[in-house]
Amino acid sequence: MMNAPPTSPASGQRPRATAFRGERLRWGLTGLAAVFLIVLAAAAGLRPAGRDHKPGTGEPLAVLGVAPGPATRPAERQ
């Protein structure tokens, strides 16, 4: 078992495990940013084109020439 000399915060040297952890974190965040940019670019490229408004595609009843009826049925009289 190797004993490393103790390091103090004033010495300016970081322990090796902390340096490795920071490097690993940096690579992980860089990879996450790269994946985000790739997904963003793919989503922008696959976006459906704007719909062309064709005549006759509005209200189905208006296309058939039918006027809408009352919202509710009138009460039946007995």
Foldseek 3Di string as FASTA:
>chain_A
DDDDDDDDPVVVDDDPVVVVVVVVVVVVVVVVVVVVVVVVVVCVVPPDDDDDDDPLPPDVCVSVPHDDDDPDDDDDDD
